[in-house]
Amino acid sequence: MSLAASIAISHLLSRRRQTIVSVLGITLGVSFFLAISAMMRGSENDFMQRLVDNSPHVTVYDEYRNPRQQPVQIAFPSAIADIHGMKPRTELRGIRQYKEKLALIARRTDLQIAAVLQGQVIASFAGMTRGVSITGIKPEQMKNVSRIEHYFVTGSLESLSANPSGIIIGVGLADKFQLKMGDKLSITSPSGTIHLMKIVGLFNTGTTNYDESQTFALLNRVQNLLERPNVANRFILKLQDPQQSAVVAHQIERELGYKTQSWQEASQDLMNLVLIRNLIMYSVVSAILLVASFGIYNVISTVVLEKTKDIAILKSIGFEARDIERIFLIEGAILGLIGSISGSLVGLSFMYGLSRIAIKSPFNTTRAFLPIDWSTDQILIAIAFAMLSALFAAWLPARKGGRVRPVDILRGAE
């Protein structure tokens, strides 16, 4: 053991009570840091997982990000006169030559893709009517890009293949119409055509609006229903790495020209909310560690005052200012290290206890547990911040100790 470390330990042992209080402060700071960080990050991960899993990573729409130029604007780009009120040419909406474009994107090995046709129809049963969204799908494609199959109460996506006139609806819509599996639901198209469709599947995502307004049927069936043969108006993509969605969306939009939106762009408000939430969380838990570091400052400041004569003697026998500062910095490092290790152990205990807390919502019959993030990087962040706080708290009185003038102290000068 070096001489500086030996002196630092003797100083701390000479003031055991204050040393223990300082270590406890760092311990509680680190443990609360870990407990709060694990809960916040766990809930964030759970939220992001639900957001990412329950929505497409990338969506290609049958529209353009910027309005298309009209022929007169292309023919006379520098015209002095400006024509207003032009009505665009009526055309069949949808992604043109979608099968070729679908095959082009499907060549990429980092994603799965499905073509769908979405539209609005009116569902009716026993005199009750409700506007719903219907999505035409191919089951073999849809199960690769959506988690909807995980929410099935009964039936499956393959049920549509076995029954071309089948429809899958949410539990919320079934409850409103008092329907069950095998019942027939009347679907009215925008043109007024009525089709009877058999319920072959029920899903329950837990999102009321979605469960009451979303339905699924075969793609060719919906194309006939909406009178849009051989048309798809959405491409839904799932990526191996969801964090690359923005990059992939930009690449696809540049290739196809159609508006392509990543899940990050579609959820900008939520992403900003998560960022602000993280800033608040880390500010609060960092403040706890800063408050704990004042205990270290108090202990080392007291040692400097009490050991002034000892410091003067050390400097008179050859110790320099940086040697004195090193002694007190070692004291701060020891307190910070012990507090960090004990705080990490206590924090992990808190995290385990929190992970066992079951929560039951009055709107849900199943129990859920608090989501806890167990990643090691937050432990390293807590230890690093605790050590920096401890060293900074020790540095201020260490500077004061290094500036002691032996002549003044040994002569008894004030």
Protein backbone atom coordinates (compact mmCIF):
# COMPACT_ATOMS: atom_id res chain seq x y z
CA MET A 1 0.00 0.00 0.00
CA SER A 2 1.35 3.43 -0.96
CA LEU A 3 2.05 5.99 1.73
CA ALA A 4 -0.66 8.34 0.40
CA ALA A 5 -3.29 5.58 0.52
CA SER A 6 -2.17 4.56 4.02
CA ILE A 7 -2.56 8.13 5.29
CA ALA A 8 -5.96 8.48 3.55
CA ILE A 9 -7.31 5.32 5.20
CA SER A 10 -6.07 6.40 8.63
CA HIS A 11 -7.87 9.74 8.21
CA LEU A 12 -11.15 8.00 7.34
CA LEU A 13 -10.84 5.51 10.21
CA SER A 14 -10.21 8.34 12.66
CA ARG A 15 -13.70 9.69 11.86
CA ARG A 16 -15.70 6.49 11.55
CA ARG A 17 -19.14 7.96 12.17
CA GLN A 18 -18.81 10.68 9.51
CA THR A 19 -17.25 8.17 7.10
CA ILE A 20 -20.15 5.74 7.53
CA VAL A 21 -22.68 8.54 6.99
CA SER A 22 -20.91 9.61 3.77
CA VAL A 23 -20.81 6.02 2.48
CA LEU A 24 -24.50 5.61 3.31
CA GLY A 25 -25.28 8.79 1.38
CA ILE A 26 -23.53 7.50 -1.73
CA THR A 27 -25.09 4.05 -1.23
CA LEU A 28 -28.61 5.45 -1.10
CA GLY A 29 -27.90 7.79 -4.02
CA VAL A 30 -26.65 4.97 -6.25
CA SER A 31 -29.42 2.56 -5.20
CA PHE A 32 -32.16 5.13 -5.83
CA PHE A 33 -30.49 6.03 -9.13
CA LEU A 34 -30.62 2.38 -10.22
CA ALA A 35 -34.16 1.75 -8.97
CA ILE A 36 -35.63 4.83 -10.65
CA SER A 37 -33.57 4.39 -13.81
CA ALA A 38 -34.56 0.70 -14.09
CA MET A 39 -38.26 1.53 -13.72
CA MET A 40 -38.19 4.45 -16.14
CA ARG A 41 -36.10 2.67 -18.73
CA GLY A 42 -38.12 -0.51 -18.30
CA SER A 43 -41.38 1.33 -18.90
CA GLU A 44 -39.80 3.13 -21.86
CA ASN A 45 -38.60 -0.15 -23.37
CA ASP A 46 -42.01 -1.71 -22.81
CA PHE A 47 -43.72 1.29 -24.40
CA MET A 48 -41.32 1.32 -27.37
CA GLN A 49 -41.69 -2.44 -27.80
CA ARG A 50 -45.45 -2.13 -27.92
CA LEU A 51 -45.23 0.85 -30.27
CA VAL A 52 -42.77 -0.88 -32.60
CA ASP A 53 -44.41 -4.31 -32.52
CA ASN A 54 -47.98 -3.07 -32.95
CA SER A 55 -47.26 -0.72 -35.84
CA PRO A 56 -45.33 -1.12 -39.09
CA HIS A 57 -41.67 -0.16 -38.99
CA VAL A 58 -42.09 1.48 -42.41
CA THR A 59 -45.25 2.29 -44.36
CA VAL A 60 -45.39 3.17 -48.06
CA TYR A 61 -48.51 5.20 -48.95
CA ASP A 62 -50.21 5.71 -52.30
CA GLU A 63 -49.53 9.44 -52.14
CA TYR A 64 -46.67 11.82 -52.65
CA ARG A 65 -44.91 13.84 -49.98
CA ASN A 66 -45.11 16.94 -52.18
CA PRO A 67 -48.10 17.66 -54.47
CA ARG A 68 -47.58 16.59 -58.06
CA GLN A 69 -47.16 19.38 -60.59
CA GLN A 70 -50.01 19.94 -63.03
CA PRO A 71 -49.32 19.77 -66.80
CA VAL A 72 -49.62 23.54 -67.21
CA GLN A 73 -46.98 24.08 -64.52
CA ILE A 74 -44.63 21.68 -66.27
CA ALA A 75 -45.26 23.24 -69.70
CA PHE A 76 -44.87 26.85 -68.50
CA PRO A 77 -42.58 26.83 -65.41
CA SER A 78 -41.72 30.53 -65.84
CA ALA A 79 -45.20 31.79 -66.66
CA ILE A 80 -46.15 35.21 -65.32
CA ALA A 81 -49.80 34.30 -64.83
CA ASP A 82 -50.72 31.90 -62.05
CA ILE A 83 -53.78 29.71 -62.46
CA HIS A 84 -55.76 28.86 -59.33
CA GLY A 85 -58.59 26.47 -58.62
CA MET A 86 -57.47 23.75 -61.02
CA LYS A 87 -59.04 20.42 -60.20
CA PRO A 88 -56.62 17.51 -60.56
CA ARG A 89 -57.58 14.73 -62.94
CA THR A 90 -59.68 12.06 -61.28
CA GLU A 91 -57.79 8.79 -61.18
CA LEU A 92 -57.91 5.47 -59.40
CA ARG A 93 -55.96 5.80 -56.16
CA GLY A 94 -53.38 3.18 -55.32
CA ILE A 95 -49.73 2.27 -55.77
CA ARG A 96 -49.25 1.85 -59.49
CA GLN A 97 -47.90 -1.50 -60.63
CA TYR A 98 -47.75 -2.48 -56.97
CA LYS A 99 -46.75 -6.09 -57.65
CA GLU A 100 -43.58 -5.02 -59.46
CA LYS A 101 -42.74 -2.48 -56.76
CA LEU A 102 -43.49 -5.06 -54.06
CA ALA A 103 -41.08 -7.51 -55.70
CA LEU A 104 -38.44 -4.77 -55.98
CA ILE A 105 -38.52 -4.00 -52.24
CA ALA A 106 -38.80 -7.69 -51.32
CA ARG A 107 -35.32 -8.27 -52.77
CA ARG A 108 -33.85 -6.68 -49.67
CA THR A 109 -32.78 -9.26 -47.11
CA ASP A 110 -33.21 -7.00 -44.08
CA LEU A 111 -37.01 -6.74 -44.15
CA GLN A 112 -40.39 -8.41 -44.66
CA ILE A 113 -43.09 -6.73 -46.71
CA ALA A 114 -46.82 -7.06 -47.35
CA ALA A 115 -49.19 -5.25 -49.69
CA VAL A 116 -52.60 -4.27 -48.30
CA LEU A 117 -55.66 -2.33 -49.39
CA GLN A 118 -57.32 -0.18 -46.74
CA GLY A 119 -60.70 1.47 -47.01
CA GLN A 120 -63.77 2.56 -45.10
CA VAL A 121 -67.00 0.57 -45.05
CA ILE A 122 -70.17 0.38 -42.98
CA ALA A 123 -70.72 -2.69 -40.80
CA SER A 124 -74.29 -3.47 -39.80
CA PHE A 125 -76.08 -6.16 -37.81
CA ALA A 126 -79.63 -6.34 -36.42
CA GLY A 127 -80.31 -2.70 -37.22
CA MET A 128 -77.08 -1.39 -35.71
CA THR A 129 -74.50 0.26 -37.98
CA ARG A 130 -70.95 1.44 -37.49
CA GLY A 131 -68.27 2.83 -39.77
CA VAL A 132 -65.17 0.64 -39.70
CA SER A 133 -61.86 0.34 -41.48
CA ILE A 134 -61.32 -2.79 -43.55
CA THR A 135 -57.88 -4.01 -44.58
CA GLY A 136 -57.38 -6.47 -47.38
CA ILE A 137 -54.45 -8.77 -46.69
CA LYS A 138 -52.69 -11.91 -47.80
CA PRO A 139 -52.37 -14.02 -44.63
CA GLU A 140 -48.96 -15.49 -45.54
CA GLN A 141 -47.55 -11.97 -45.94
CA MET A 142 -49.37 -10.33 -43.05
CA LYS A 143 -48.14 -12.74 -40.39
CA ASN A 144 -44.55 -11.74 -41.23
CA VAL A 145 -45.09 -8.00 -40.78
CA SER A 146 -47.70 -7.76 -38.01
CA ARG A 147 -48.20 -9.07 -34.48
CA ILE A 148 -51.98 -9.10 -34.86
CA GLU A 149 -51.96 -12.91 -34.74
CA HIS A 150 -50.60 -12.74 -31.18
CA TYR A 151 -53.82 -10.99 -30.11
CA PHE A 152 -56.28 -13.53 -31.50
CA VAL A 153 -58.87 -14.73 -29.02
CA THR A 154 -60.12 -17.30 -31.49
CA GLY A 155 -59.41 -18.08 -35.12
CA SER A 156 -56.30 -17.09 -37.07
CA LEU A 157 -55.18 -15.31 -40.22
CA GLU A 158 -55.21 -18.64 -42.06
CA SER A 159 -58.96 -18.82 -41.39
CA LEU A 160 -59.38 -16.27 -44.17
CA SER A 161 -57.70 -18.57 -46.68
CA ALA A 162 -60.13 -21.35 -45.75
CA ASN A 163 -63.14 -19.02 -46.07
CA PRO A 164 -62.82 -16.42 -48.88
CA SER A 165 -65.92 -14.58 -47.61
CA GLY A 166 -64.62 -14.45 -44.06
CA ILE A 167 -63.83 -11.41 -41.97
CA ILE A 168 -61.80 -10.91 -38.80
CA ILE A 169 -63.02 -8.31 -36.31
CA GLY A 170 -62.05 -7.02 -32.89
CA VAL A 171 -63.66 -8.14 -29.65
CA GLY A 172 -64.86 -4.58 -29.05
CA LEU A 173 -66.85 -4.53 -32.31
CA ALA A 174 -68.20 -8.02 -31.64
CA ASP A 175 -69.41 -6.92 -28.20
CA LYS A 176 -71.15 -3.85 -29.61
CA PHE A 177 -73.00 -5.97 -32.16
CA GLN A 178 -73.34 -8.94 -29.78
CA LEU A 179 -71.68 -11.20 -32.33
CA LYS A 180 -69.73 -14.43 -31.99
CA MET A 181 -67.67 -16.73 -34.19
CA GLY A 182 -69.59 -17.96 -37.22
CA ASP A 183 -72.10 -15.10 -37.27
CA LYS A 184 -72.53 -13.11 -40.48
CA LEU A 185 -71.92 -9.37 -40.64
CA SER A 186 -73.27 -7.07 -43.34
CA ILE A 187 -70.61 -4.91 -44.97
CA THR A 188 -71.70 -2.00 -47.15
CA SER A 189 -69.16 -0.61 -49.61
CA PRO A 190 -68.87 3.12 -50.47
CA SER A 191 -70.82 2.44 -53.67
CA GLY A 192 -73.72 0.95 -51.67
CA THR A 193 -73.12 -2.72 -52.42
CA ILE A 194 -73.92 -5.01 -49.50
CA HIS A 195 -71.90 -8.15 -48.80
CA LEU A 196 -72.52 -10.76 -46.12
CA MET A 197 -69.24 -11.84 -44.50
CA LYS A 198 -68.73 -14.62 -41.97
CA ILE A 199 -66.76 -13.93 -38.78
CA VAL A 200 -63.80 -16.34 -38.79
CA GLY A 201 -61.59 -14.67 -36.18
CA LEU A 202 -61.67 -12.37 -33.14
CA PHE A 203 -58.73 -10.37 -31.78
CA ASN A 204 -58.21 -8.26 -28.68
CA THR A 205 -55.25 -5.85 -28.67
CA GLY A 206 -56.38 -3.95 -25.58
CA THR A 207 -56.69 -0.71 -27.57
CA THR A 208 -60.40 0.07 -27.51
CA ASN A 209 -60.55 2.25 -30.61
CA TYR A 210 -58.61 -0.28 -32.68
CA ASP A 211 -60.65 -3.26 -31.47
CA GLU A 212 -63.91 -1.47 -32.28
CA SER A 213 -63.01 -0.10 -35.71
CA GLN A 214 -60.51 -2.41 -37.44
CA THR A 215 -61.40 -5.45 -39.56
CA PHE A 216 -59.45 -7.76 -41.89
CA ALA A 217 -60.41 -9.73 -44.97
CA LEU A 218 -58.69 -11.28 -47.98
CA LEU A 219 -57.03 -8.79 -50.33
CA ASN A 220 -58.90 -9.86 -53.46
CA ARG A 221 -62.17 -9.81 -51.52
CA VAL A 222 -61.60 -6.22 -50.37
CA GLN A 223 -60.53 -5.22 -53.87
CA ASN A 224 -63.89 -6.43 -55.19
CA LEU A 225 -65.75 -4.86 -52.27
CA LEU A 226 -64.18 -1.43 -52.83
CA GLU A 227 -64.31 -1.85 -56.63
CA ARG A 228 -60.57 -1.40 -56.93
CA PRO A 229 -59.36 -4.55 -58.72
CA ASN A 230 -55.62 -5.30 -58.68
CA VAL A 231 -54.96 -2.31 -56.41
CA ALA A 232 -53.01 -1.96 -53.15
CA ASN A 233 -52.65 1.37 -51.37
CA ARG A 234 -50.18 0.45 -48.62
CA PHE A 235 -46.94 -1.45 -48.24
CA ILE A 236 -46.25 -2.56 -44.66
CA LEU A 237 -42.64 -3.34 -43.77
CA LYS A 238 -40.99 -5.00 -40.80
CA LEU A 239 -37.23 -4.64 -40.41
CA GLN A 240 -34.72 -6.83 -38.64
CA ASP A 241 -33.40 -3.68 -36.96
CA PRO A 242 -36.28 -1.25 -36.22
CA GLN A 243 -33.79 1.54 -35.45
CA GLN A 244 -32.85 1.61 -39.15
CA SER A 245 -36.43 2.42 -40.17
CA ALA A 246 -35.77 6.09 -40.93
CA VAL A 247 -32.82 5.25 -43.21
CA VAL A 248 -34.71 2.49 -45.04
CA ALA A 249 -37.80 4.71 -45.43
CA HIS A 250 -35.68 7.44 -47.04
CA GLN A 251 -34.09 4.95 -49.44
CA ILE A 252 -37.44 3.44 -50.50
CA GLU A 253 -39.07 6.84 -50.96
CA ARG A 254 -36.18 7.91 -53.19
CA GLU A 255 -36.56 4.73 -55.28
CA LEU A 256 -40.37 4.63 -55.60
CA GLY A 257 -41.33 8.29 -55.27
CA TYR A 258 -44.27 7.48 -52.99
CA LYS A 259 -44.46 8.89 -49.48
CA THR A 260 -42.70 6.48 -47.13
CA GLN A 261 -42.93 6.97 -43.39
CA SER A 262 -40.93 5.32 -40.62
CA TRP A 263 -42.41 4.57 -37.20
CA GLN A 264 -40.17 7.28 -35.72
CA GLU A 265 -41.63 9.90 -38.05
CA ALA A 266 -45.17 8.69 -37.40
CA SER A 267 -44.60 8.96 -33.63
CA GLN A 268 -42.59 12.18 -33.38
CA ASP A 269 -44.69 13.59 -30.54
CA LEU A 270 -44.29 10.40 -28.51
CA MET A 271 -40.55 10.30 -29.18
CA ASN A 272 -40.19 13.90 -27.97
CA LEU A 273 -42.21 13.02 -24.88
CA VAL A 274 -39.89 10.09 -24.12
CA LEU A 275 -36.83 12.34 -24.52
CA ILE A 276 -38.21 14.96 -22.11
CA ARG A 277 -39.17 12.21 -19.68
CA ASN A 278 -35.61 10.84 -19.70
CA LEU A 279 -34.13 14.30 -19.12
CA ILE A 280 -36.37 14.81 -16.10
CA MET A 281 -35.57 11.35 -14.73
CA TYR A 282 -31.79 11.70 -15.02
CA SER A 283 -31.91 15.22 -13.58
CA VAL A 284 -33.76 13.98 -10.49
CA VAL A 285 -31.56 10.95 -9.82
CA SER A 286 -28.38 12.96 -10.52
CA ALA A 287 -29.48 15.53 -7.96
CA ILE A 288 -29.70 12.72 -5.38
CA LEU A 289 -26.05 11.82 -5.97
CA LEU A 290 -24.99 15.47 -5.86
CA VAL A 291 -26.65 15.87 -2.48
CA ALA A 292 -24.89 12.71 -1.28
CA SER A 293 -21.52 14.11 -2.40
CA PHE A 294 -21.89 16.97 0.09
CA GLY A 295 -21.36 14.40 2.84
CA ILE A 296 -17.97 13.56 1.35
CA TYR A 297 -17.14 17.25 1.08
CA ASN A 298 -18.04 17.72 4.73
CA VAL A 299 -15.91 14.78 5.93
CA ILE A 300 -12.80 15.74 3.98
CA SER A 301 -13.15 19.44 4.81
CA THR A 302 -13.28 18.52 8.49
CA VAL A 303 -10.20 16.29 8.12
CA VAL A 304 -8.30 19.13 6.43
CA LEU A 305 -9.14 21.48 9.29
CA GLU A 306 -8.23 18.94 11.98
CA LYS A 307 -5.06 17.73 10.28
CA THR A 308 -3.62 21.14 9.41
CA LYS A 309 -0.55 20.58 11.60
CA ASP A 310 -0.05 17.09 10.21
CA ILE A 311 -0.22 18.52 6.68
CA ALA A 312 2.35 21.15 7.62
CA ILE A 313 4.69 18.47 8.99
CA LEU A 314 4.28 16.37 5.84
CA LYS A 315 5.11 19.36 3.65
CA SER A 316 8.09 20.26 5.80
CA ILE A 317 9.63 16.77 5.29
CA GLY A 318 9.29 16.93 1.52
CA PHE A 319 5.64 16.37 0.56
CA GLU A 320 4.53 18.70 -2.22
CA ALA A 321 1.10 20.25 -2.73
CA ARG A 322 0.10 17.64 -5.30
CA ASP A 323 1.03 14.87 -2.83
CA ILE A 324 -1.27 16.37 -0.21
CA GLU A 325 -4.05 16.75 -2.76
CA ARG A 326 -3.58 13.13 -3.79
CA ILE A 327 -4.15 11.97 -0.21
CA PHE A 328 -7.53 13.66 0.03
CA LEU A 329 -8.54 12.64 -3.49
CA ILE A 330 -7.81 9.04 -2.51
CA GLU A 331 -10.11 9.52 0.48
CA GLY A 332 -12.88 10.72 -1.83
CA ALA A 333 -12.25 7.84 -4.23
CA ILE A 334 -12.42 5.28 -1.39
CA LEU A 335 -15.70 6.70 -0.12
CA GLY A 336 -17.12 6.85 -3.64
CA LEU A 337 -16.00 3.30 -4.50
CA ILE A 338 -17.37 1.71 -1.33
CA GLY A 339 -20.62 3.65 -1.68
CA SER A 340 -20.92 2.70 -5.37
CA ILE A 341 -20.41 -1.01 -4.76
CA SER A 342 -22.78 -1.17 -1.80
CA GLY A 343 -25.26 1.09 -3.63
CA SER A 344 -25.20 -1.19 -6.68
CA LEU A 345 -25.99 -4.22 -4.52
CA VAL A 346 -28.81 -2.42 -2.72
CA GLY A 347 -30.07 -1.02 -6.03
CA LEU A 348 -30.19 -4.49 -7.58
CA SER A 349 -32.20 -5.65 -4.57
CA PHE A 350 -34.61 -2.76 -5.07
CA MET A 351 -34.91 -3.65 -8.76
CA TYR A 352 -35.70 -7.27 -7.97
CA GLY A 353 -38.31 -6.24 -5.40
CA LEU A 354 -39.93 -3.83 -7.86
CA SER A 355 -40.01 -6.49 -10.58
CA ARG A 356 -42.14 -8.69 -8.30
CA ILE A 357 -44.84 -6.05 -7.79
CA ALA A 358 -47.99 -7.10 -9.65
CA ILE A 359 -50.41 -4.50 -10.95
CA LYS A 360 -53.98 -5.28 -11.92
CA SER A 361 -55.89 -2.68 -13.87
CA PRO A 362 -59.66 -2.43 -13.26
CA PHE A 363 -60.06 -2.48 -17.06
CA ASN A 364 -58.00 -5.65 -17.55
CA THR A 365 -58.44 -9.09 -16.00
CA THR A 366 -54.79 -10.11 -16.35
CA ARG A 367 -52.05 -9.08 -13.91
CA ALA A 368 -49.02 -7.18 -15.13
CA PHE A 369 -45.65 -6.68 -13.45
CA LEU A 370 -43.62 -3.51 -13.32
CA PRO A 371 -41.26 -3.53 -16.33
CA ILE A 372 -37.66 -3.35 -15.10
CA ASP A 373 -34.61 -2.80 -17.29
CA TRP A 374 -31.66 -4.98 -16.21
CA SER A 375 -29.03 -3.61 -18.60
CA THR A 376 -25.56 -3.18 -17.08
CA ASP A 377 -24.88 0.19 -18.68
CA GLN A 378 -27.10 1.99 -16.16
CA ILE A 379 -25.06 0.42 -13.32
CA LEU A 380 -21.87 1.72 -14.94
CA ILE A 381 -23.46 5.16 -15.38
CA ALA A 382 -24.48 5.25 -11.71
CA ILE A 383 -21.00 4.20 -10.54
CA ALA A 384 -19.28 6.66 -12.87
CA PHE A 385 -21.48 9.56 -11.77
CA ALA A 386 -21.03 8.64 -8.10
CA MET A 387 -17.25 8.51 -8.49
CA LEU A 388 -17.14 11.83 -10.31
CA SER A 389 -19.30 13.44 -7.63
CA ALA A 390 -17.09 12.00 -4.88
CA LEU A 391 -13.86 13.13 -6.53
CA PHE A 392 -15.22 16.60 -7.17
CA ALA A 393 -16.41 16.85 -3.56
CA ALA A 394 -12.94 15.79 -2.40
CA TRP A 395 -11.05 18.05 -4.80
CA LEU A 396 -12.27 21.30 -3.25
CA PRO A 397 -10.93 20.65 0.28
CA ALA A 398 -7.89 18.86 -1.24
CA ARG A 399 -6.88 22.10 -2.94
CA LYS A 400 -7.20 23.90 0.38
CA GLY A 401 -5.01 21.28 2.07
CA GLY A 402 -2.40 21.54 -0.68
CA ARG A 403 -2.11 25.30 -0.14
CA VAL A 404 -1.25 25.02 3.55
CA ARG A 405 1.98 26.88 4.32
CA PRO A 406 4.07 24.89 6.81
CA VAL A 407 5.93 27.95 8.13
CA ASP A 408 2.73 29.72 9.12
CA ILE A 409 1.24 26.66 10.80
CA LEU A 410 4.38 25.54 12.66
CA ARG A 411 5.01 29.07 13.94
CA GLY A 412 1.42 29.21 15.23
CA ALA A 413 0.44 32.08 12.91
CA GLU A 414 -3.23 32.55 12.13
